């Protein structure tokens, strides 16, 4: 599958190397099915780790973040879902919920703002 999925609020782009997705814009109940679809695709598209670039994510509701965390938990023990880079919003949401410690999920290092 090749894609550059977008709605009026979110854009999801395949990144071939390292394998993963770049997600930019806003994730909420209106476009959560798109997120679920690309997560399902990414989990089954290969056997390597999956990297999500969430630096351009300006909003994600708790249910959207829960979809990402649940996807990480579904991976086999030898695979990781790597969130790197992440926006300050995503980092804060993961910290508040404690989800940064979910098995299968790895959050990249905090980087200074440009």
C-alpha atoms as a PDB file:
ATOM      1  CA  UNK A   1       0.000   0.000   0.000  1.00  0.00           C
ATOM      2  CA  UNK A   2       1.269   3.444  -0.818  1.00  0.00           C
ATOM      3  CA  UNK A   3      -0.590   6.400   0.436  1.00  0.00           C
ATOM      4  CA  UNK A   4      -0.751   9.986   1.372  1.00  0.00           C
ATOM      5  CA  UNK A   5      -4.053  10.030   3.246  1.00  0.00           C
ATOM      6  CA  UNK A   6      -5.537  13.309   4.250  1.00  0.00           C
ATOM      7  CA  UNK A   7      -8.684  14.946   5.411  1.00  0.00           C
ATOM      8  CA  UNK A   8      -9.221  18.617   6.000  1.00  0.00           C
ATOM      9  CA  UNK A   9      -7.575  18.260   9.444  1.00  0.00           C
ATOM     10  CA  UNK A  10      -5.006  15.455   9.269  1.00  0.00           C
ATOM     11  CA  UNK A  11      -2.392  14.184   6.861  1.00  0.00           C
ATOM     12  CA  UNK A  12      -0.812  10.740   7.106  1.00  0.00           C
ATOM     13  CA  UNK A  13       2.223  10.024   4.941  1.00  0.00           C
ATOM     14  CA  UNK A  14       4.135   6.778   4.527  1.00  0.00           C
ATOM     15  CA  UNK A  15       7.836   7.055   5.379  1.00  0.00           C
ATOM     16  CA  UNK A  16       9.738   4.139   3.805  1.00  0.00           C
ATOM     17  CA  UNK A  17      12.985   4.416   5.782  1.00  0.00           C
ATOM     18  CA  UNK A  18      12.930   3.992   8.645  1.00  0.00           C
ATOM     19  CA  UNK A  19       9.555   2.355   8.099  1.00  0.00           C
ATOM     20  CA  UNK A  20       6.670   4.297   9.540  1.00  0.00           C
ATOM     21  CA  UNK A  21       4.208   7.111   9.213  1.00  0.00           C
ATOM     22  CA  UNK A  22       4.270  10.877   9.544  1.00  0.00           C
ATOM     23  CA  UNK A  23       1.055  12.174  11.079  1.00  0.00           C
ATOM     24  CA  UNK A  24       0.367  15.902  11.069  1.00  0.00           C
ATOM     25  CA  UNK A  25      -2.644  18.001  11.970  1.00  0.00           C
ATOM     26  CA  UNK A  26      -5.444  17.020  14.345  1.00  0.00           C
ATOM     27  CA  UNK A  27      -6.825  13.657  15.469  1.00  0.00           C
ATOM     28  CA  UNK A  28     -10.283  13.644  17.019  1.00  0.00           C
ATOM     29  CA  UNK A  29     -13.473  11.593  16.842  1.00  0.00           C
ATOM     30  CA  UNK A  30     -14.190  12.821  13.323  1.00  0.00           C
ATOM     31  CA  UNK A  31     -11.078  11.267  11.801  1.00  0.00           C
ATOM     32  CA  UNK A  32     -10.248   8.516  14.292  1.00  0.00           C
ATOM     33  CA  UNK A  33     -11.335   5.817  11.778  1.00  0.00           C
ATOM     34  CA  UNK A  34      -8.564   7.012   9.434  1.00  0.00           C
ATOM     35  CA  UNK A  35      -6.040   6.680  12.271  1.00  0.00           C
ATOM     36  CA  UNK A  36      -7.323   3.192  13.123  1.00  0.00           C
ATOM     37  CA  UNK A  37      -6.999   2.153   9.491  1.00  0.00           C
ATOM     38  CA  UNK A  38      -3.410   3.323   9.089  1.00  0.00           C
ATOM     39  CA  UNK A  39      -2.439   1.784  12.438  1.00  0.00           C
ATOM     40  CA  UNK A  40      -3.865  -1.575  11.376  1.00  0.00           C
ATOM     41  CA  UNK A  41      -2.066  -1.324   8.045  1.00  0.00           C
ATOM     42  CA  UNK A  42       1.281  -0.425   9.677  1.00  0.00           C
ATOM     43  CA  UNK A  43       1.079  -3.303  12.156  1.00  0.00           C
ATOM     44  CA  UNK A  44       0.585  -5.817   9.355  1.00  0.00           C
ATOM     45  CA  UNK A  45       2.799  -4.241   6.660  1.00  0.00           C
ATOM     46  CA  UNK A  46       6.090  -5.614   7.896  1.00  0.00           C
ATOM     47  CA  UNK A  47       8.001  -7.301  10.639  1.00  0.00           C
ATOM     48  CA  UNK A  48      10.248  -4.437  11.683  1.00  0.00           C
ATOM     49  CA  UNK A  49       9.775  -1.662  14.216  1.00  0.00           C
ATOM     50  CA  UNK A  50       7.354   1.088  13.240  1.00  0.00           C
ATOM     51  CA  UNK A  51       8.295   4.750  13.633  1.00  0.00           C
ATOM     52  CA  UNK A  52       5.646   7.448  13.953  1.00  0.00           C
ATOM     53  CA  UNK A  53       6.723  11.029  13.372  1.00  0.00           C
ATOM     54  CA  UNK A  54       4.228  13.018  15.445  1.00  0.00           C
ATOM     55  CA  UNK A  55       6.102  16.339  15.483  1.00  0.00           C
ATOM     56  CA  UNK A  56       3.416  17.942  13.311  1.00  0.00           C
ATOM     57  CA  UNK A  57       0.501  16.725  15.394  1.00  0.00           C
ATOM     58  CA  UNK A  58      -1.195  19.843  16.754  1.00  0.00           C
ATOM     59  CA  UNK A  59      -4.037  18.036  18.544  1.00  0.00           C
ATOM     60  CA  UNK A  60      -4.925  14.491  19.522  1.00  0.00           C
ATOM     61  CA  UNK A  61      -7.709  13.526  21.880  1.00  0.00           C
ATOM     62  CA  UNK A  62      -7.274  10.835  24.518  1.00  0.00           C
ATOM     63  CA  UNK A  63      -9.170   8.286  22.436  1.00  0.00           C
ATOM     64  CA  UNK A  64      -6.847   8.861  19.486  1.00  0.00           C
ATOM     65  CA  UNK A  65      -3.793   8.436  21.687  1.00  0.00           C
ATOM     66  CA  UNK A  66      -5.352   5.298  23.146  1.00  0.00           C
ATOM     67  CA  UNK A  67      -5.516   3.829  19.610  1.00  0.00           C
ATOM     68  CA  UNK A  68      -1.760   4.372  19.182  1.00  0.00           C
ATOM     69  CA  UNK A  69      -0.956   2.901  22.588  1.00  0.00           C
ATOM     70  CA  UNK A  70      -3.210  -0.109  21.954  1.00  0.00           C
ATOM     71  CA  UNK A  71      -1.475  -0.684  18.610  1.00  0.00           C
ATOM     72  CA  UNK A  72       1.899  -0.765  20.377  1.00  0.00           C
ATOM     73  CA  UNK A  73       0.579  -3.307  22.864  1.00  0.00           C
ATOM     74  CA  UNK A  74      -0.540  -5.558  19.989  1.00  0.00           C
ATOM     75  CA  UNK A  75       2.980  -5.843  18.543  1.00  0.00           C
ATOM     76  CA  UNK A  76       5.013  -8.989  19.041  1.00  0.00           C
ATOM     77  CA  UNK A  77       7.650  -8.683  21.808  1.00  0.00           C
ATOM     78  CA  UNK A  78      10.471  -8.300  19.262  1.00  0.00           C
ATOM     79  CA  UNK A  79       8.901  -5.177  17.690  1.00  0.00           C
ATOM     80  CA  UNK A  80       8.414  -1.619  18.949  1.00  0.00           C
ATOM     81  CA  UNK A  81       6.231   1.289  17.971  1.00  0.00           C
ATOM     82  CA  UNK A  82       8.592   4.246  18.206  1.00  0.00           C
ATOM     83  CA  UNK A  83       7.176   7.740  18.588  1.00  0.00           C
ATOM     84  CA  UNK A  84       9.956  10.025  17.406  1.00  0.00           C
ATOM     85  CA  UNK A  85       9.844  12.931  17.078  1.00  0.00           C
ATOM     86  CA  UNK A  86       6.805  13.864  19.131  1.00  0.00           C
ATOM     87  CA  UNK A  87       5.103  17.175  19.706  1.00  0.00           C
ATOM     88  CA  UNK A  88       5.071  18.643  23.219  1.00  0.00           C
ATOM     89  CA  UNK A  89       1.323  17.954  23.284  1.00  0.00           C
ATOM     90  CA  UNK A  90       1.826  14.218  22.677  1.00  0.00           C
ATOM     91  CA  UNK A  91       4.663  14.034  25.198  1.00  0.00           C
ATOM     92  CA  UNK A  92       2.471  15.707  27.833  1.00  0.00           C
ATOM     93  CA  UNK A  93      -0.499  13.424  27.134  1.00  0.00           C
ATOM     94  CA  UNK A  94       1.697  10.326  27.411  1.00  0.00           C
ATOM     95  CA  UNK A  95       3.169  11.590  30.667  1.00  0.00           C
ATOM     96  CA  UNK A  96      -0.175  12.481  32.276  1.00  0.00           C
ATOM     97  CA  UNK A  97      -1.701   9.108  31.392  1.00  0.00           C
ATOM     98  CA  UNK A  98       1.418   7.059  32.158  1.00  0.00           C
ATOM     99  CA  UNK A  99       1.182   5.508  28.702  1.00  0.00           C
ATOM    100  CA  UNK A 100       4.832   6.191  27.906  1.00  0.00           C
ATOM    101  CA  UNK A 101       5.590   2.986  29.850  1.00  0.00           C
ATOM    102  CA  UNK A 102       3.277   0.697  27.849  1.00  0.00           C
ATOM    103  CA  UNK A 103       5.059  -2.432  26.565  1.00  0.00           C
ATOM    104  CA  UNK A 104       5.831  -2.162  22.878  1.00  0.00           C
ATOM    105  CA  UNK A 105       5.938   1.651  22.920  1.00  0.00           C
ATOM    106  CA  UNK A 106       9.115   3.719  22.888  1.00  0.00           C
ATOM    107  CA  UNK A 107       9.105   7.514  23.013  1.00  0.00           C
ATOM    108  CA  UNK A 108      12.064   9.341  21.493  1.00  0.00           C
ATOM    109  CA  UNK A 109      14.160  11.830  23.430  1.00  0.00           C
ATOM    110  CA  UNK A 110      12.909  15.284  24.179  1.00  0.00           C
ATOM    111  CA  UNK A 111      14.455  17.828  21.854  1.00  0.00           C
ATOM    112  CA  UNK A 112      14.893  21.545  22.450  1.00  0.00           C
ATOM    113  CA  UNK A 113      12.451  23.777  20.610  1.00  0.00           C
ATOM    114  CA  UNK A 114      14.010  25.530  17.590  1.00  0.00           C
END
